Amino acid sequence: MAYKITENCAACGSCIDECPVGAISEGDIYKIDPNLCIDCGACADACPMGAIVQA
């Protein structure tokens, strides 16, 4: 089960460097590629907004 980034994303970049497989792409609201996500949860732990949840 991949993670997803909700509309609460502040595009702060805290999650980008935490993803070991590079599944997160930048934008107004960041996005996680579900085909690359390995469900490790590192991004969710790093998000100060609580904007990353399991899909």
C-alpha atoms as a PDB file:
ATOM      1  CA  MET A   1       0.000   0.000   0.000  1.00  0.00           C
ATOM      2  CA  ALA A   2       1.635   3.208  -1.179  1.00  0.00           C
ATOM      3  CA  TYR A   3       1.551   6.550   0.592  1.00  0.00           C
ATOM      4  CA  LYS A   4      -0.097   9.660  -0.845  1.00  0.00           C
ATOM      5  CA  ILE A   5       0.268  13.368  -0.185  1.00  0.00           C
ATOM      6  CA  THR A   6      -2.911  15.252   0.721  1.00  0.00           C
ATOM      7  CA  GLU A   7      -3.956  18.832   0.029  1.00  0.00           C
ATOM      8  CA  ASN A   8      -2.426  19.793   3.401  1.00  0.00           C
ATOM      9  CA  CYS A   9       1.008  19.694   1.718  1.00  0.00           C
ATOM     10  CA  ALA A  10       2.913  22.952   2.164  1.00  0.00           C
ATOM     11  CA  ALA A  11       5.522  21.958  -0.471  1.00  0.00           C
ATOM     12  CA  CYS A  12       8.265  22.457   2.127  1.00  0.00           C
ATOM     13  CA  GLY A  13      10.508  19.699   0.767  1.00  0.00           C
ATOM     14  CA  SER A  14      10.987  17.824   4.056  1.00  0.00           C
ATOM     15  CA  CYS A  15       9.913  14.535   2.483  1.00  0.00           C
ATOM     16  CA  ILE A  16      12.010  14.606  -0.701  1.00  0.00           C
ATOM     17  CA  ASP A  17      15.358  13.631   0.791  1.00  0.00           C
ATOM     18  CA  GLU A  18      13.758  11.025   3.052  1.00  0.00           C
ATOM     19  CA  CYS A  19      12.454   8.884   0.184  1.00  0.00           C
ATOM     20  CA  PRO A  20      15.012   6.123  -0.501  1.00  0.00           C
ATOM     21  CA  VAL A  21      13.611   5.380  -3.967  1.00  0.00           C
ATOM     22  CA  GLY A  22      12.938   8.894  -5.298  1.00  0.00           C
ATOM     23  CA  ALA A  23       9.177   8.385  -5.552  1.00  0.00           C
ATOM     24  CA  ILE A  24       8.284  11.976  -4.611  1.00  0.00           C
ATOM     25  CA  SER A  25       8.026  14.712  -7.230  1.00  0.00           C
ATOM     26  CA  GLU A  26       7.828  18.450  -6.546  1.00  0.00           C
ATOM     27  CA  GLY A  27       4.960  20.773  -7.396  1.00  0.00           C
ATOM     28  CA  ASP A  28       2.426  23.056  -5.709  1.00  0.00           C
ATOM     29  CA  ILE A  29       1.440  19.891  -3.880  1.00  0.00           C
ATOM     30  CA  TYR A  30       4.050  17.143  -3.996  1.00  0.00           C
ATOM     31  CA  LYS A  31       3.113  13.761  -5.433  1.00  0.00           C
ATOM     32  CA  ILE A  32       4.205  10.201  -4.691  1.00  0.00           C
ATOM     33  CA  ASP A  33       4.458   7.742  -7.572  1.00  0.00           C
ATOM     34  CA  PRO A  34       2.611   4.650  -6.274  1.00  0.00           C
ATOM     35  CA  ASN A  35       4.585   2.434  -8.650  1.00  0.00           C
ATOM     36  CA  LEU A  36       7.865   3.478  -7.021  1.00  0.00           C
ATOM     37  CA  CYS A  37       6.723   3.790  -3.387  1.00  0.00           C
ATOM     38  CA  ILE A  38       8.005   0.931  -1.213  1.00  0.00           C
ATOM     39  CA  ASP A  39       5.698   1.764   1.720  1.00  0.00           C
ATOM     40  CA  CYS A  40       8.541   2.536   4.131  1.00  0.00           C
ATOM     41  CA  GLY A  41       6.823   5.537   5.763  1.00  0.00           C
ATOM     42  CA  ALA A  42       9.956   7.694   5.927  1.00  0.00           C
ATOM     43  CA  CYS A  43       8.203  10.533   4.109  1.00  0.00           C
ATOM     44  CA  ALA A  44       5.238  10.490   6.484  1.00  0.00           C
ATOM     45  CA  ASP A  45       7.569  10.608   9.486  1.00  0.00           C
ATOM     46  CA  ALA A  46       9.377  13.622   7.983  1.00  0.00           C
ATOM     47  CA  CYS A  47       6.271  15.650   7.096  1.00  0.00           C
ATOM     48  CA  PRO A  48       5.703  18.506   9.570  1.00  0.00           C
ATOM     49  CA  MET A  49       2.188  19.081   8.228  1.00  0.00           C
ATOM     50  CA  GLY A  50       0.960  15.492   8.606  1.00  0.00           C
ATOM     51  CA  ALA A  51       0.054  15.633   4.929  1.00  0.00           C
ATOM     52  CA  ILE A  52       1.313  12.160   3.983  1.00  0.00           C
ATOM     53  CA  VAL A  53      -1.001   9.222   4.609  1.00  0.00           C
ATOM     54  CA  GLN A  54      -1.304   5.615   3.504  1.00  0.00           C
ATOM     55  CA  ALA A  55      -3.369   5.308   0.340  1.00  0.00           C
END
